[in-house]
Amino acid sequence: MSCTGYAKVAHTVHMSALGLPGYHLHAAYAGDWQLSPTEGVLRTVKEILRLDWGREVPLCSVLLTVDTLQQVFPTVVGDMDSGGSLNAQVLLLLAERLRAKAVFQTQQAKFLTWQFDGEYRGDDYTATLTLGNPDLIGESVIVVAHFLQSLTHRLVLGGELVYHRRPGEEGAILTLAGKYSAVHWVATLNVGSGGAHASYYHRANEQVQVGVEFEANTRLQDTTFSFGYHLTLPQANMVFRGLVDSNWCVGAVLEKKMPPLPVTLALGAFLNHWRNRFHCGFSITVG
């Protein structure tokens, strides 16, 4: 539901046989300052295919490709459930090349996460610094530094340094990353002391998109392979999304729009053969 041209409010009721029913209130505010009509937002395979099954699907969160979403400033997004827990994000444009973001997460009256990001975008590079849960009294903090350099209009190389400190423990992890973007496909590779990750995304045409991911974790001695697809049938107003991985997990979502009504029906199912778990559900979206 749109309250004004800048603010939107949505209500979600969740019912499941596996847990207690819940209610969520979503609120968002978006300003009117936009640097570019198609500013890119980095997405993952899971986000592109919109298959968010929680921890059941072992897809990593490494960036895959760029999806053209409109990004305006300032942006404030919040979500509160019936128990009083809050998730909120604030995105600000401090200057033409400098932007900041703050993320807060609470569980009722207790803070779980507070994170602050600063990003500078040059002509051919991007630098980001993140502070996670900084605590001066407890002497603990997580610092993440990103740097990406465009060598050509298709090839991007960079790295990430993660430093964590708490009483009696501190350490750092360095990861090197690369991405090559062609007209219809994108390939990425990340290599670090914690493991390696490779991904490939291909847009066959306006109706068919596929993506694959491979991840190796040296600490857990585990490897995972995932394949996902996205099929659009514009004449039928239907969208299919599916995913399968090497852990014997299979998921699928079917969305159907009901014009001229502003209603979208969605059916989803997930099956974990290894743990013998099956979940299914449906949703109705108005607006």
C-alpha atoms as a PDB file:
ATOM      1  CA  MET A   1       0.000   0.000   0.000  1.00  0.00           C
ATOM      2  CA  SER A   2       1.408   3.386  -1.017  1.00  0.00           C
ATOM      3  CA  CYS A   3       0.730   6.150   1.507  1.00  0.00           C
ATOM      4  CA  THR A   4       2.379   8.910  -0.559  1.00  0.00           C
ATOM      5  CA  GLY A   5       4.620   9.143  -3.578  1.00  0.00           C
ATOM      6  CA  TYR A   6       7.613   8.560  -1.304  1.00  0.00           C
ATOM      7  CA  ALA A   7       6.351   6.227   1.439  1.00  0.00           C
ATOM      8  CA  LYS A   8       4.999   2.688   1.258  1.00  0.00           C
ATOM      9  CA  VAL A   9       3.538   0.405   3.917  1.00  0.00           C
ATOM     10  CA  ALA A  10       2.884  -3.337   3.654  1.00  0.00           C
ATOM     11  CA  HIS A  11       1.429  -5.941   6.000  1.00  0.00           C
ATOM     12  CA  THR A  12       2.398  -9.632   6.030  1.00  0.00           C
ATOM     13  CA  VAL A  13       0.720 -12.470   7.917  1.00  0.00           C
ATOM     14  CA  HIS A  14       2.696 -15.720   8.156  1.00  0.00           C
ATOM     15  CA  MET A  15       1.068 -19.043   9.053  1.00  0.00           C
ATOM     16  CA  SER A  16       2.974 -22.333   9.265  1.00  0.00           C
ATOM     17  CA  ALA A  17       2.561 -25.760  10.802  1.00  0.00           C
ATOM     18  CA  LEU A  18       6.256 -25.697  11.787  1.00  0.00           C
ATOM     19  CA  GLY A  19       6.031 -22.651  14.041  1.00  0.00           C
ATOM     20  CA  LEU A  20       3.872 -19.956  15.525  1.00  0.00           C
ATOM     21  CA  PRO A  21       1.989 -17.582  13.201  1.00  0.00           C
ATOM     22  CA  GLY A  22       3.457 -14.132  12.854  1.00  0.00           C
ATOM     23  CA  TYR A  23       2.747 -10.627  11.610  1.00  0.00           C
ATOM     24  CA  HIS A  24       5.177  -8.212   9.952  1.00  0.00           C
ATOM     25  CA  LEU A  25       4.827  -4.517   9.291  1.00  0.00           C
ATOM     26  CA  HIS A  26       6.987  -3.232   6.427  1.00  0.00           C
ATOM     27  CA  ALA A  27       7.571   0.463   5.891  1.00  0.00           C
ATOM     28  CA  ALA A  28       9.764   2.198   3.337  1.00  0.00           C
ATOM     29  CA  TYR A  29      10.581   5.771   2.414  1.00  0.00           C
ATOM     30  CA  ALA A  30      12.433   6.725  -0.772  1.00  0.00           C
ATOM     31  CA  GLY A  31      13.521  10.226  -1.665  1.00  0.00           C
ATOM     32  CA  ASP A  32      13.729  11.780  -5.111  1.00  0.00           C
ATOM     33  CA  TRP A  33      17.501  12.159  -5.524  1.00  0.00           C
ATOM     34  CA  GLN A  34      18.761   9.734  -8.161  1.00  0.00           C
ATOM     35  CA  LEU A  35      22.217   9.848  -9.724  1.00  0.00           C
ATOM     36  CA  SER A  36      21.400   7.597 -12.676  1.00  0.00           C
ATOM     37  CA  PRO A  37      18.151   6.088 -13.998  1.00  0.00           C
ATOM     38  CA  THR A  38      19.712   2.594 -14.063  1.00  0.00           C
ATOM     39  CA  GLU A  39      22.191   2.532 -11.222  1.00  0.00           C
ATOM     40  CA  GLY A  40      23.492  -1.013 -10.782  1.00  0.00           C
ATOM     41  CA  VAL A  41      22.908  -2.994  -7.608  1.00  0.00           C
ATOM     42  CA  LEU A  42      25.006  -6.092  -7.000  1.00  0.00           C
ATOM     43  CA  ARG A  43      22.942  -9.244  -6.582  1.00  0.00           C
ATOM     44  CA  THR A  44      23.536 -12.912  -5.818  1.00  0.00           C
ATOM     45  CA  VAL A  45      22.202 -15.934  -7.653  1.00  0.00           C
ATOM     46  CA  LYS A  46      19.693 -16.481  -4.859  1.00  0.00           C
ATOM     47  CA  GLU A  47      18.476 -12.891  -5.046  1.00  0.00           C
ATOM     48  CA  ILE A  48      18.206 -12.937  -8.828  1.00  0.00           C
ATOM     49  CA  LEU A  49      16.173 -16.148  -8.777  1.00  0.00           C
ATOM     50  CA  ARG A  50      14.313 -14.981  -5.630  1.00  0.00           C
ATOM     51  CA  LEU A  51      14.647 -18.358  -3.917  1.00  0.00           C
ATOM     52  CA  ASP A  52      15.246 -17.497  -0.289  1.00  0.00           C
ATOM     53  CA  TRP A  53      14.725 -20.718   1.635  1.00  0.00           C
ATOM     54  CA  GLY A  54      16.859 -19.744   4.619  1.00  0.00           C
ATOM     55  CA  ARG A  55      19.589 -22.108   5.748  1.00  0.00           C
ATOM     56  CA  GLU A  56      18.177 -25.055   3.843  1.00  0.00           C
ATOM     57  CA  VAL A  57      19.764 -23.819   0.600  1.00  0.00           C
ATOM     58  CA  PRO A  58      23.561 -23.534   1.017  1.00  0.00           C
ATOM     59  CA  LEU A  59      24.037 -20.718  -1.480  1.00  0.00           C
ATOM     60  CA  CYS A  60      26.833 -18.367  -0.539  1.00  0.00           C
ATOM     61  CA  SER A  61      26.402 -14.607  -0.467  1.00  0.00           C
ATOM     62  CA  VAL A  62      29.246 -13.751  -2.846  1.00  0.00           C
ATOM     63  CA  LEU A  63      28.269 -11.108  -5.377  1.00  0.00           C
ATOM     64  CA  LEU A  64      27.397 -12.481  -8.785  1.00  0.00           C
ATOM     65  CA  THR A  65      26.195  -9.887 -11.243  1.00  0.00           C
ATOM     66  CA  VAL A  66      24.556  -6.501 -11.654  1.00  0.00           C
ATOM     67  CA  ASP A  67      20.826  -5.994 -11.824  1.00  0.00           C
ATOM     68  CA  THR A  68      19.558  -2.593 -12.942  1.00  0.00           C
ATOM     69  CA  LEU A  69      17.457  -1.352 -10.053  1.00  0.00           C
ATOM     70  CA  GLN A  70      16.596   2.253  -9.416  1.00  0.00           C
ATOM     71  CA  GLN A  71      18.444   3.553  -6.359  1.00  0.00           C
ATOM     72  CA  VAL A  72      17.256   6.821  -4.875  1.00  0.00           C
ATOM     73  CA  PHE A  73      18.405   8.773  -1.837  1.00  0.00           C
ATOM     74  CA  PRO A  74      17.646   8.962   0.968  1.00  0.00           C
ATOM     75  CA  THR A  75      16.143   5.509   1.510  1.00  0.00           C
ATOM     76  CA  VAL A  76      14.777   4.192   4.806  1.00  0.00           C
ATOM     77  CA  VAL A  77      13.446   0.628   5.089  1.00  0.00           C
ATOM     78  CA  GLY A  78      12.064  -1.000   8.220  1.00  0.00           C
ATOM     79  CA  ASP A  79      10.437  -4.276   9.195  1.00  0.00           C
ATOM     80  CA  MET A  80       8.886  -5.039  12.603  1.00  0.00           C
ATOM     81  CA  ASP A  81       7.237  -8.268  13.696  1.00  0.00           C
ATOM     82  CA  SER A  82       4.550  -8.938  16.280  1.00  0.00           C
ATOM     83  CA  GLY A  83       7.210  -9.610  18.937  1.00  0.00           C
ATOM     84  CA  GLY A  84       8.708  -6.133  18.627  1.00  0.00           C
ATOM     85  CA  SER A  85      11.875  -7.176  16.772  1.00  0.00           C
ATOM     86  CA  LEU A  86      13.088  -4.616  14.249  1.00  0.00           C
ATOM     87  CA  ASN A  87      15.206  -4.696  11.109  1.00  0.00           C
ATOM     88  CA  ALA A  88      16.040  -1.283   9.656  1.00  0.00           C
ATOM     89  CA  GLN A  89      18.319   0.193   6.988  1.00  0.00           C
ATOM     90  CA  VAL A  90      19.147   3.794   6.178  1.00  0.00           C
ATOM     91  CA  LEU A  91      20.926   4.769   2.944  1.00  0.00           C
ATOM     92  CA  LEU A  92      22.247   8.308   2.488  1.00  0.00           C
ATOM     93  CA  LEU A  93      24.103  10.122  -0.291  1.00  0.00           C
ATOM     94  CA  LEU A  94      26.658  12.359   1.437  1.00  0.00           C
ATOM     95  CA  ALA A  95      28.233  13.595  -1.797  1.00  0.00           C
ATOM     96  CA  GLU A  96      28.105  12.748  -5.492  1.00  0.00           C
ATOM     97  CA  ARG A  97      30.662   9.948  -5.010  1.00  0.00           C
ATOM     98  CA  LEU A  98      30.252   9.225  -1.293  1.00  0.00           C
ATOM     99  CA  ARG A  99      27.384   7.320   0.269  1.00  0.00           C
ATOM    100  CA  ALA A 100      26.706   5.836   3.702  1.00  0.00           C
ATOM    101  CA  LYS A 101      24.495   3.083   5.054  1.00  0.00           C
ATOM    102  CA  ALA A 102      23.434   2.061   8.556  1.00  0.00           C
ATOM    103  CA  VAL A 103      21.860  -1.285   9.465  1.00  0.00           C
ATOM    104  CA  PHE A 104      20.193  -2.089  12.787  1.00  0.00           C
ATOM    105  CA  GLN A 105      18.676  -5.336  14.031  1.00  0.00           C
ATOM    106  CA  THR A 106      16.996  -5.869  17.379  1.00  0.00           C
ATOM    107  CA  GLN A 107      15.346  -8.768  19.136  1.00  0.00           C
ATOM    108  CA  GLN A 108      12.619  -7.118  21.165  1.00  0.00           C
ATOM    109  CA  ALA A 109      14.524  -4.633  23.369  1.00  0.00           C
ATOM    110  CA  LYS A 110      18.012  -6.095  22.734  1.00  0.00           C
ATOM    111  CA  PHE A 111      20.339  -4.925  19.965  1.00  0.00           C
ATOM    112  CA  LEU A 112      21.764  -7.779  17.908  1.00  0.00           C
ATOM    113  CA  THR A 113      23.437  -5.952  15.020  1.00  0.00           C
ATOM    114  CA  TRP A 114      24.533  -2.409  14.339  1.00  0.00           C
ATOM    115  CA  GLN A 115      26.538  -1.864  11.188  1.00  0.00           C
ATOM    116  CA  PHE A 116      27.863   1.236   9.433  1.00  0.00           C
ATOM    117  CA  ASP A 117      29.086   1.354   5.817  1.00  0.00           C
ATOM    118  CA  GLY A 118      30.900   4.018   3.856  1.00  0.00           C
ATOM    119  CA  GLU A 119      31.409   3.756   0.100  1.00  0.00           C
ATOM    120  CA  TYR A 120      33.361   5.916  -2.325  1.00  0.00           C
ATOM    121  CA  ARG A 121      32.883   5.462  -6.078  1.00  0.00           C
ATOM    122  CA  GLY A 122      35.596   6.771  -8.359  1.00  0.00           C
ATOM    123  CA  ASP A 123      35.674   6.859 -12.135  1.00  0.00           C
ATOM    124  CA  ASP A 124      36.953   3.278 -12.423  1.00  0.00           C
ATOM    125  CA  TYR A 125      37.101   1.952  -8.860  1.00  0.00           C
ATOM    126  CA  THR A 126      35.013   1.473  -5.729  1.00  0.00           C
ATOM    127  CA  ALA A 127      36.212   1.451  -2.120  1.00  0.00           C
ATOM    128  CA  THR A 128      34.049   0.393   0.822  1.00  0.00           C
ATOM    129  CA  LEU A 129      34.657   0.293   4.576  1.00  0.00           C
ATOM    130  CA  THR A 130      32.273  -1.494   6.969  1.00  0.00           C
ATOM    131  CA  LEU A 131      32.178  -1.494  10.770  1.00  0.00           C
ATOM    132  CA  GLY A 132      30.166  -4.324  12.293  1.00  0.00           C
ATOM    133  CA  ASN A 133      28.982  -4.281  15.914  1.00  0.00           C
ATOM    134  CA  PRO A 134      31.633  -1.827  17.172  1.00  0.00           C
ATOM    135  CA  ASP A 135      31.826  -1.983  20.975  1.00  0.00           C
ATOM    136  CA  LEU A 136      34.348   0.319  22.659  1.00  0.00           C
ATOM    137  CA  ILE A 137      33.574  -0.979  26.152  1.00  0.00           C
ATOM    138  CA  GLY A 138      33.796  -4.647  25.209  1.00  0.00           C
ATOM    139  CA  GLU A 139      36.761  -3.989  22.868  1.00  0.00           C
ATOM    140  CA  SER A 140      35.224  -5.909  19.988  1.00  0.00           C
ATOM    141  CA  VAL A 141      34.673  -4.971  16.362  1.00  0.00           C
ATOM    142  CA  ILE A 142      34.462  -6.400  12.852  1.00  0.00           C
ATOM    143  CA  VAL A 143      36.057  -4.352  10.056  1.00  0.00           C
ATOM    144  CA  VAL A 144      35.567  -5.205   6.384  1.00  0.00           C
ATOM    145  CA  ALA A 145      37.385  -3.346   3.601  1.00  0.00           C
ATOM    146  CA  HIS A 146      36.546  -3.803  -0.106  1.00  0.00           C
ATOM    147  CA  PHE A 147      38.334  -2.463  -3.140  1.00  0.00           C
ATOM    148  CA  LEU A 148      37.332  -3.091  -6.777  1.00  0.00           C
ATOM    149  CA  GLN A 149      39.262  -1.762  -9.788  1.00  0.00           C
ATOM    150  CA  SER A 150      37.997  -1.813 -13.369  1.00  0.00           C
ATOM    151  CA  LEU A 151      40.911  -2.735 -15.630  1.00  0.00           C
ATOM    152  CA  THR A 152      38.705  -2.699 -18.719  1.00  0.00           C
ATOM    153  CA  HIS A 153      34.987  -2.148 -19.291  1.00  0.00           C
ATOM    154  CA  ARG A 154      34.545  -5.935 -18.885  1.00  0.00           C
ATOM    155  CA  LEU A 155      37.199  -7.004 -16.348  1.00  0.00           C
ATOM    156  CA  VAL A 156      37.108  -6.036 -12.658  1.00  0.00           C
ATOM    157  CA  LEU A 157      39.673  -7.143 -10.067  1.00  0.00           C
ATOM    158  CA  GLY A 158      39.782  -6.452  -6.348  1.00  0.00           C
ATOM    159  CA  GLY A 159      39.921  -7.864  -2.874  1.00  0.00           C
ATOM    160  CA  GLU A 160      38.372  -7.974   0.558  1.00  0.00           C
ATOM    161  CA  LEU A 161      40.014  -7.832   3.976  1.00  0.00           C
ATOM    162  CA  VAL A 162      38.027  -8.934   7.033  1.00  0.00           C
ATOM    163  CA  TYR A 163      39.416  -8.154  10.502  1.00  0.00           C
ATOM    164  CA  HIS A 164      37.715  -9.196  13.729  1.00  0.00           C
ATOM    165  CA  ARG A 165      38.687  -8.516  17.308  1.00  0.00           C
ATOM    166  CA  ARG A 166      37.226  -9.475  20.669  1.00  0.00           C
ATOM    167  CA  PRO A 167      38.761 -10.150  24.098  1.00  0.00           C
ATOM    168  CA  GLY A 168      41.273 -12.961  23.742  1.00  0.00           C
ATOM    169  CA  GLU A 169      40.866 -13.354  19.986  1.00  0.00           C
ATOM    170  CA  GLU A 170      41.628 -11.482  16.786  1.00  0.00           C
ATOM    171  CA  GLY A 171      42.355 -12.388  13.200  1.00  0.00           C
ATOM    172  CA  ALA A 172      42.141 -11.349   9.567  1.00  0.00           C
ATOM    173  CA  ILE A 173      41.122 -13.009   6.302  1.00  0.00           C
ATOM    174  CA  LEU A 174      42.155 -11.791   2.849  1.00  0.00           C
ATOM    175  CA  THR A 175      40.140 -12.687  -0.270  1.00  0.00           C
ATOM    176  CA  LEU A 176      40.978 -11.849  -3.886  1.00  0.00           C
ATOM    177  CA  ALA A 177      38.140 -11.429  -6.383  1.00  0.00           C
ATOM    178  CA  GLY A 178      37.634 -11.029 -10.106  1.00  0.00           C
ATOM    179  CA  LYS A 179      34.655 -10.559 -12.400  1.00  0.00           C
ATOM    180  CA  TYR A 180      34.353 -10.659 -16.170  1.00  0.00           C
ATOM    181  CA  SER A 181      31.178  -9.309 -17.767  1.00  0.00           C
ATOM    182  CA  ALA A 182      30.187 -10.067 -21.348  1.00  0.00           C
ATOM    183  CA  VAL A 183      27.054  -9.042 -23.224  1.00  0.00           C
ATOM    184  CA  HIS A 184      24.942 -11.999 -22.106  1.00  0.00           C
ATOM    185  CA  TRP A 185      26.956 -13.605 -19.300  1.00  0.00           C
ATOM    186  CA  VAL A 186      28.967 -12.830 -16.164  1.00  0.00           C
ATOM    187  CA  ALA A 187      31.663 -14.970 -14.517  1.00  0.00           C
ATOM    188  CA  THR A 188      33.208 -14.393 -11.069  1.00  0.00           C
ATOM    189  CA  LEU A 189      35.981 -16.006  -9.026  1.00  0.00           C
ATOM    190  CA  ASN A 190      36.873 -15.434  -5.368  1.00  0.00           C
ATOM    191  CA  VAL A 191      39.895 -17.099  -3.753  1.00  0.00           C
ATOM    192  CA  GLY A 192      41.045 -16.727  -0.153  1.00  0.00           C
ATOM    193  CA  SER A 193      42.393 -18.541   2.866  1.00  0.00           C
ATOM    194  CA  GLY A 194      38.873 -19.645   3.785  1.00  0.00           C
ATOM    195  CA  GLY A 195      38.165 -21.279   0.434  1.00  0.00           C
ATOM    196  CA  ALA A 196      37.109 -20.452  -3.107  1.00  0.00           C
ATOM    197  CA  HIS A 197      33.920 -19.508  -4.902  1.00  0.00           C
ATOM    198  CA  ALA A 198      33.101 -19.414  -8.608  1.00  0.00           C
ATOM    199  CA  SER A 199      29.866 -18.426 -10.328  1.00  0.00           C
ATOM    200  CA  TYR A 200      28.498 -18.098 -13.829  1.00  0.00           C
ATOM    201  CA  TYR A 201      25.311 -16.319 -14.902  1.00  0.00           C
ATOM    202  CA  HIS A 202      23.932 -16.449 -18.451  1.00  0.00           C
ATOM    203  CA  ARG A 203      20.957 -14.672 -19.991  1.00  0.00           C
ATOM    204  CA  ALA A 204      19.972 -16.810 -22.976  1.00  0.00           C
ATOM    205  CA  ASN A 205      17.166 -14.475 -24.059  1.00  0.00           C
ATOM    206  CA  GLU A 206      14.438 -12.314 -22.555  1.00  0.00           C
ATOM    207  CA  GLN A 207      12.639 -15.396 -21.225  1.00  0.00           C
ATOM    208  CA  VAL A 208      15.427 -17.742 -20.031  1.00  0.00           C
ATOM    209  CA  GLN A 209      18.194 -17.098 -17.483  1.00  0.00           C
ATOM    210  CA  VAL A 210      20.449 -19.655 -15.789  1.00  0.00           C
ATOM    211  CA  GLY A 211      23.128 -19.490 -13.126  1.00  0.00           C
ATOM    212  CA  VAL A 212      25.591 -21.879 -11.475  1.00  0.00           C
ATOM    213  CA  GLU A 213      27.697 -21.549  -8.333  1.00  0.00           C
ATOM    214  CA  PHE A 214      30.553 -23.564  -6.877  1.00  0.00           C
ATOM    215  CA  GLU A 215      31.868 -23.033  -3.354  1.00  0.00           C
ATOM    216  CA  ALA A 216      34.675 -24.778  -1.453  1.00  0.00           C
ATOM    217  CA  ASN A 217      35.096 -24.137   2.279  1.00  0.00           C
ATOM    218  CA  THR A 218      38.484 -25.193   3.629  1.00  0.00           C
ATOM    219  CA  ARG A 219      37.494 -24.678   7.267  1.00  0.00           C
ATOM    220  CA  LEU A 220      34.448 -26.952   7.053  1.00  0.00           C
ATOM    221  CA  GLN A 221      36.030 -29.260   4.448  1.00  0.00           C
ATOM    222  CA  ASP A 222      32.898 -28.936   2.347  1.00  0.00           C
ATOM    223  CA  THR A 223      32.093 -28.168  -1.285  1.00  0.00           C
ATOM    224  CA  THR A 224      28.742 -27.184  -2.771  1.00  0.00           C
ATOM    225  CA  PHE A 225      27.480 -26.877  -6.337  1.00  0.00           C
ATOM    226  CA  SER A 226      24.212 -25.084  -7.177  1.00  0.00           C
ATOM    227  CA  PHE A 227      22.234 -24.570 -10.380  1.00  0.00           C
ATOM    228  CA  GLY A 228      19.307 -22.183 -10.801  1.00  0.00           C
ATOM    229  CA  TYR A 229      17.038 -21.083 -13.625  1.00  0.00           C
ATOM    230  CA  HIS A 230      14.560 -18.308 -14.329  1.00  0.00           C
ATOM    231  CA  LEU A 231      11.853 -18.767 -16.962  1.00  0.00           C
ATOM    232  CA  THR A 232       9.421 -16.008 -17.943  1.00  0.00           C
ATOM    233  CA  LEU A 233       6.228 -16.587 -19.916  1.00  0.00           C
ATOM    234  CA  PRO A 234       4.951 -13.069 -20.672  1.00  0.00           C
ATOM    235  CA  GLN A 235       1.913 -14.200 -22.655  1.00  0.00           C
ATOM    236  CA  ALA A 236       0.709 -16.276 -19.704  1.00  0.00           C
ATOM    237  CA  ASN A 237       1.837 -13.701 -17.074  1.00  0.00           C
ATOM    238  CA  MET A 238       3.793 -16.474 -15.341  1.00  0.00           C
ATOM    239  CA  VAL A 239       7.326 -16.803 -13.969  1.00  0.00           C
ATOM    240  CA  PHE A 240       9.097 -20.038 -12.990  1.00  0.00           C
ATOM    241  CA  ARG A 241      12.149 -20.093 -10.732  1.00  0.00           C
ATOM    242  CA  GLY A 242      13.985 -23.215  -9.693  1.00  0.00           C
ATOM    243  CA  LEU A 243      17.140 -24.377  -7.956  1.00  0.00           C
ATOM    244  CA  VAL A 244      18.983 -27.654  -7.278  1.00  0.00           C
ATOM    245  CA  ASP A 245      22.283 -28.221  -5.475  1.00  0.00           C
ATOM    246  CA  SER A 246      24.734 -30.970  -4.631  1.00  0.00           C
ATOM    247  CA  ASN A 247      23.258 -31.411  -1.138  1.00  0.00           C
ATOM    248  CA  TRP A 248      20.133 -32.953  -2.695  1.00  0.00           C
ATOM    249  CA  CYS A 249      18.076 -29.805  -2.165  1.00  0.00           C
ATOM    250  CA  VAL A 250      15.459 -28.881  -4.779  1.00  0.00           C
ATOM    251  CA  GLY A 251      13.319 -25.742  -4.759  1.00  0.00           C
ATOM    252  CA  ALA A 252      10.863 -24.085  -7.124  1.00  0.00           C
ATOM    253  CA  VAL A 253       8.566 -21.054  -7.230  1.00  0.00           C
ATOM    254  CA  LEU A 254       5.706 -20.304  -9.619  1.00  0.00           C
ATOM    255  CA  GLU A 255       4.298 -16.772  -9.830  1.00  0.00           C
ATOM    256  CA  LYS A 256       1.117 -15.872 -11.679  1.00  0.00           C
ATOM    257  CA  LYS A 257      -0.187 -12.345 -12.187  1.00  0.00           C
ATOM    258  CA  MET A 258      -3.936 -11.856 -12.450  1.00  0.00           C
ATOM    259  CA  PRO A 259      -4.562  -8.792 -14.675  1.00  0.00           C
ATOM    260  CA  PRO A 260      -6.457  -6.528 -14.667  1.00  0.00           C
ATOM    261  CA  LEU A 261      -6.502  -7.074 -10.890  1.00  0.00           C
ATOM    262  CA  PRO A 262      -3.332  -5.985  -9.028  1.00  0.00           C
ATOM    263  CA  VAL A 263      -2.949  -9.494  -7.599  1.00  0.00           C
ATOM    264  CA  THR A 264      -0.018 -11.901  -7.814  1.00  0.00           C
ATOM    265  CA  LEU A 265      -0.299 -15.545  -6.746  1.00  0.00           C
ATOM    266  CA  ALA A 266       2.837 -17.521  -5.846  1.00  0.00           C
ATOM    267  CA  LEU A 267       3.318 -21.229  -5.124  1.00  0.00           C
ATOM    268  CA  GLY A 268       6.572 -22.525  -3.687  1.00  0.00           C
ATOM    269  CA  ALA A 269       7.997 -25.887  -2.655  1.00  0.00           C
ATOM    270  CA  PHE A 270      11.299 -27.057  -1.219  1.00  0.00           C
ATOM    271  CA  LEU A 271      12.574 -30.617  -0.744  1.00  0.00           C
ATOM    272  CA  ASN A 272      15.730 -31.642   1.096  1.00  0.00           C
ATOM    273  CA  HIS A 273      16.332 -35.291   0.219  1.00  0.00           C
ATOM    274  CA  TRP A 274      19.305 -35.617   2.577  1.00  0.00           C
ATOM    275  CA  ARG A 275      17.356 -34.499   5.680  1.00  0.00           C
ATOM    276  CA  ASN A 276      14.010 -35.786   4.416  1.00  0.00           C
ATOM    277  CA  ARG A 277      12.338 -32.377   4.795  1.00  0.00           C
ATOM    278  CA  PHE A 278       9.619 -30.923   2.613  1.00  0.00           C
ATOM    279  CA  HIS A 279       8.133 -27.435   2.749  1.00  0.00           C
ATOM    280  CA  CYS A 280       5.491 -25.861   0.555  1.00  0.00           C
ATOM    281  CA  GLY A 281       3.393 -22.738   0.662  1.00  0.00           C
ATOM    282  CA  PHE A 282       1.605 -20.021  -1.250  1.00  0.00           C
ATOM    283  CA  SER A 283       1.287 -16.270  -1.089  1.00  0.00           C
ATOM    284  CA  ILE A 284      -1.095 -13.612  -2.368  1.00  0.00           C
ATOM    285  CA  THR A 285       0.294 -10.158  -3.083  1.00  0.00           C
ATOM    286  CA  VAL A 286      -2.022  -7.209  -3.674  1.00  0.00           C
ATOM    287  CA  GLY A 287      -0.573  -4.078  -5.170  1.00  0.00           C
END
